[in-house]
């Protein structure tokens, strides 16, 4: 048995094992990314449903309340009632948009866990100076 075959066989098997490990690592990271993408899509769908349903019913309730206030003050303070209801609607709209922006800023970044794991993988693969 030539002595050259043994190290080559060891090198080939080591390279195969390294390739399999890298492929498994990439597969795991891809699965994690897909899970995070699915979770993000589900959160968006749920939020959209709540936004639509809440907005429709809130708009109906506010419209009826506005009609009631304007009808109540129609004979005496009609313009003041209309102005008050309008200002209230504007304040609610601005407050809602500000709250939505705060929620978006506070939500986790897409693929945060995947990027963190890839960063840890890079750190593990870097040569260490001893």
C-alpha atoms as a PDB file:
ATOM      1  CA  UNK A   1       0.000   0.000   0.000  1.00  0.00           C
ATOM      2  CA  UNK A   2       1.612   3.243  -1.063  1.00  0.00           C
ATOM      3  CA  UNK A   3       2.061   5.809   1.594  1.00  0.00           C
ATOM      4  CA  UNK A   4       0.585   8.566  -0.610  1.00  0.00           C
ATOM      5  CA  UNK A   5      -2.931   7.035  -0.608  1.00  0.00           C
ATOM      6  CA  UNK A   6      -3.518   7.159   3.087  1.00  0.00           C
ATOM      7  CA  UNK A   7      -3.111  10.939   3.590  1.00  0.00           C
ATOM      8  CA  UNK A   8      -5.057  11.582   0.385  1.00  0.00           C
ATOM      9  CA  UNK A   9      -7.915   9.397   1.558  1.00  0.00           C
ATOM     10  CA  UNK A  10      -7.829  11.209   4.893  1.00  0.00           C
ATOM     11  CA  UNK A  11      -7.772  14.573   3.168  1.00  0.00           C
ATOM     12  CA  UNK A  12     -10.654  13.654   0.853  1.00  0.00           C
ATOM     13  CA  UNK A  13     -12.764  12.344   3.706  1.00  0.00           C
ATOM     14  CA  UNK A  14     -11.971  15.438   5.759  1.00  0.00           C
ATOM     15  CA  UNK A  15     -12.978  17.680   2.857  1.00  0.00           C
ATOM     16  CA  UNK A  16     -16.177  15.682   2.387  1.00  0.00           C
ATOM     17  CA  UNK A  17     -16.984  15.981   6.081  1.00  0.00           C
ATOM     18  CA  UNK A  18     -16.260  19.707   5.969  1.00  0.00           C
ATOM     19  CA  UNK A  19     -18.497  20.092   2.919  1.00  0.00           C
ATOM     20  CA  UNK A  20     -21.288  18.165   4.608  1.00  0.00           C
ATOM     21  CA  UNK A  21     -20.955  20.307   7.724  1.00  0.00           C
ATOM     22  CA  UNK A  22     -21.064  23.520   5.700  1.00  0.00           C
ATOM     23  CA  UNK A  23     -24.085  22.273   3.746  1.00  0.00           C
ATOM     24  CA  UNK A  24     -25.858  21.317   6.956  1.00  0.00           C
ATOM     25  CA  UNK A  25     -25.006  24.699   8.486  1.00  0.00           C
ATOM     26  CA  UNK A  26     -26.324  26.545   5.428  1.00  0.00           C
ATOM     27  CA  UNK A  27     -29.484  24.432   5.452  1.00  0.00           C
ATOM     28  CA  UNK A  28     -30.110  25.180   9.108  1.00  0.00           C
ATOM     29  CA  UNK A  29     -29.633  28.910   8.543  1.00  0.00           C
ATOM     30  CA  UNK A  30     -31.949  28.828   5.527  1.00  0.00           C
ATOM     31  CA  UNK A  31     -34.616  27.053   7.583  1.00  0.00           C
ATOM     32  CA  UNK A  32     -34.283  29.682  10.304  1.00  0.00           C
ATOM     33  CA  UNK A  33     -34.667  32.459   7.734  1.00  0.00           C
ATOM     34  CA  UNK A  34     -37.787  30.799   6.306  1.00  0.00           C
ATOM     35  CA  UNK A  35     -39.320  30.391   9.765  1.00  0.00           C
ATOM     36  CA  UNK A  36     -38.690  34.064  10.519  1.00  0.00           C
ATOM     37  CA  UNK A  37     -40.152  35.070   7.153  1.00  0.00           C
ATOM     38  CA  UNK A  38     -43.275  33.037   7.886  1.00  0.00           C
ATOM     39  CA  UNK A  39     -43.638  34.559  11.347  1.00  0.00           C
ATOM     40  CA  UNK A  40     -43.250  38.056   9.948  1.00  0.00           C
ATOM     41  CA  UNK A  41     -45.904  37.391   7.286  1.00  0.00           C
ATOM     42  CA  UNK A  42     -48.336  36.038   9.884  1.00  0.00           C
ATOM     43  CA  UNK A  43     -47.817  39.078  12.137  1.00  0.00           C
ATOM     44  CA  UNK A  44     -48.458  41.376   9.182  1.00  0.00           C
ATOM     45  CA  UNK A  45     -51.643  39.535   8.210  1.00  0.00           C
ATOM     46  CA  UNK A  46     -52.963  39.594  11.762  1.00  0.00           C
ATOM     47  CA  UNK A  47     -52.142  43.273  12.139  1.00  0.00           C
ATOM     48  CA  UNK A  48     -53.834  44.085   8.841  1.00  0.00           C
ATOM     49  CA  UNK A  49     -57.028  42.300   9.868  1.00  0.00           C
ATOM     50  CA  UNK A  50     -57.097  44.130  13.206  1.00  0.00           C
ATOM     51  CA  UNK A  51     -56.422  47.453  11.509  1.00  0.00           C
ATOM     52  CA  UNK A  52     -59.221  46.995   8.988  1.00  0.00           C
ATOM     53  CA  UNK A  53     -61.840  45.751  11.449  1.00  0.00           C
ATOM     54  CA  UNK A  54     -60.921  48.307  14.088  1.00  0.00           C
ATOM     55  CA  UNK A  55     -60.863  51.145  11.595  1.00  0.00           C
ATOM     56  CA  UNK A  56     -64.259  50.319  10.129  1.00  0.00           C
ATOM     57  CA  UNK A  57     -66.004  50.108  13.482  1.00  0.00           C
ATOM     58  CA  UNK A  58     -64.183  53.098  14.910  1.00  0.00           C
ATOM     59  CA  UNK A  59     -65.108  55.157  11.864  1.00  0.00           C
ATOM     60  CA  UNK A  60     -68.760  54.134  12.144  1.00  0.00           C
ATOM     61  CA  UNK A  61     -68.862  54.939  15.842  1.00  0.00           C
ATOM     62  CA  UNK A  62     -67.128  58.274  15.420  1.00  0.00           C
ATOM     63  CA  UNK A  63     -69.397  59.228  12.526  1.00  0.00           C
ATOM     64  CA  UNK A  64     -72.508  58.499  14.574  1.00  0.00           C
ATOM     65  CA  UNK A  65     -71.077  60.380  17.556  1.00  0.00           C
ATOM     66  CA  UNK A  66     -70.321  63.343  15.305  1.00  0.00           C
ATOM     67  CA  UNK A  67     -73.888  63.349  13.967  1.00  0.00           C
ATOM     68  CA  UNK A  68     -75.201  63.227  17.513  1.00  0.00           C
ATOM     69  CA  UNK A  69     -73.055  66.161  18.699  1.00  0.00           C
ATOM     70  CA  UNK A  70     -73.856  68.292  15.662  1.00  0.00           C
ATOM     71  CA  UNK A  71     -77.590  67.505  15.957  1.00  0.00           C
ATOM     72  CA  UNK A  72     -77.511  68.282  19.693  1.00  0.00           C
ATOM     73  CA  UNK A  73     -76.007  71.737  19.143  1.00  0.00           C
ATOM     74  CA  UNK A  74     -77.622  72.502  15.777  1.00  0.00           C
ATOM     75  CA  UNK A  75     -79.827  75.323  17.039  1.00  0.00           C
ATOM     76  CA  UNK A  76     -77.261  77.071  19.214  1.00  0.00           C
ATOM     77  CA  UNK A  77     -73.591  76.264  18.490  1.00  0.00           C
ATOM     78  CA  UNK A  78     -73.676  74.461  15.148  1.00  0.00           C
ATOM     79  CA  UNK A  79     -70.281  75.730  13.857  1.00  0.00           C
ATOM     80  CA  UNK A  80     -68.560  75.205  17.190  1.00  0.00           C
ATOM     81  CA  UNK A  81     -69.881  71.625  17.326  1.00  0.00           C
ATOM     82  CA  UNK A  82     -68.687  70.884  13.794  1.00  0.00           C
ATOM     83  CA  UNK A  83     -65.266  72.430  14.544  1.00  0.00           C
ATOM     84  CA  UNK A  84     -64.956  70.491  17.816  1.00  0.00           C
ATOM     85  CA  UNK A  85     -65.786  67.159  16.180  1.00  0.00           C
ATOM     86  CA  UNK A  86     -63.361  67.888  13.332  1.00  0.00           C
ATOM     87  CA  UNK A  87     -60.532  68.726  15.729  1.00  0.00           C
ATOM     88  CA  UNK A  88     -61.249  65.580  17.727  1.00  0.00           C
ATOM     89  CA  UNK A  89     -61.068  63.453  14.571  1.00  0.00           C
ATOM     90  CA  UNK A  90     -57.806  65.075  13.534  1.00  0.00           C
ATOM     91  CA  UNK A  91     -56.303  64.494  16.986  1.00  0.00           C
ATOM     92  CA  UNK A  92     -57.329  60.839  16.938  1.00  0.00           C
ATOM     93  CA  UNK A  93     -55.913  60.374  13.437  1.00  0.00           C
ATOM     94  CA  UNK A  94     -52.572  61.987  14.286  1.00  0.00           C
ATOM     95  CA  UNK A  95     -52.311  60.025  17.545  1.00  0.00           C
ATOM     96  CA  UNK A  96     -53.024  56.774  15.741  1.00  0.00           C
ATOM     97  CA  UNK A  97     -50.388  57.411  13.089  1.00  0.00           C
ATOM     98  CA  UNK A  98     -47.809  58.332  15.738  1.00  0.00           C
ATOM     99  CA  UNK A  99     -48.585  55.160  17.661  1.00  0.00           C
ATOM    100  CA  UNK A 100     -48.299  53.070  14.493  1.00  0.00           C
ATOM    101  CA  UNK A 101     -44.882  54.589  13.764  1.00  0.00           C
ATOM    102  CA  UNK A 102     -43.744  53.839  17.336  1.00  0.00           C
ATOM    103  CA  UNK A 103     -44.885  50.223  16.997  1.00  0.00           C
ATOM    104  CA  UNK A 104     -43.031  49.830  13.709  1.00  0.00           C
ATOM    105  CA  UNK A 105     -39.831  51.234  15.204  1.00  0.00           C
ATOM    106  CA  UNK A 106     -40.114  48.923  18.223  1.00  0.00           C
ATOM    107  CA  UNK A 107     -40.742  45.756  16.205  1.00  0.00           C
ATOM    108  CA  UNK A 108     -37.783  43.423  15.654  1.00  0.00           C
ATOM    109  CA  UNK A 109     -35.858  43.729  12.411  1.00  0.00           C
ATOM    110  CA  UNK A 110     -36.575  41.080   9.790  1.00  0.00           C
ATOM    111  CA  UNK A 111     -34.173  38.120   9.969  1.00  0.00           C
ATOM    112  CA  UNK A 112     -32.540  39.431  13.145  1.00  0.00           C
ATOM    113  CA  UNK A 113     -31.960  35.945  14.563  1.00  0.00           C
ATOM    114  CA  UNK A 114     -30.638  34.647  11.253  1.00  0.00           C
ATOM    115  CA  UNK A 115     -28.156  37.499  10.938  1.00  0.00           C
ATOM    116  CA  UNK A 116     -27.060  36.988  14.537  1.00  0.00           C
ATOM    117  CA  UNK A 117     -26.455  33.276  13.919  1.00  0.00           C
ATOM    118  CA  UNK A 118     -24.523  33.988  10.728  1.00  0.00           C
ATOM    119  CA  UNK A 119     -22.378  36.464  12.628  1.00  0.00           C
ATOM    120  CA  UNK A 120     -21.642  33.822  15.255  1.00  0.00           C
ATOM    121  CA  UNK A 121     -20.772  31.357  12.485  1.00  0.00           C
ATOM    122  CA  UNK A 122     -18.316  33.843  10.969  1.00  0.00           C
ATOM    123  CA  UNK A 123     -16.693  34.344  14.341  1.00  0.00           C
ATOM    124  CA  UNK A 124     -16.287  30.604  14.793  1.00  0.00           C
ATOM    125  CA  UNK A 125     -14.710  30.169  11.358  1.00  0.00           C
ATOM    126  CA  UNK A 126     -12.195  33.014  11.696  1.00  0.00           C
ATOM    127  CA  UNK A 127      -8.622  31.974  12.366  1.00  0.00           C
ATOM    128  CA  UNK A 128      -7.615  32.620  15.915  1.00  0.00           C
ATOM    129  CA  UNK A 129      -4.294  34.212  16.724  1.00  0.00           C
ATOM    130  CA  UNK A 130      -2.842  32.620  19.800  1.00  0.00           C
END
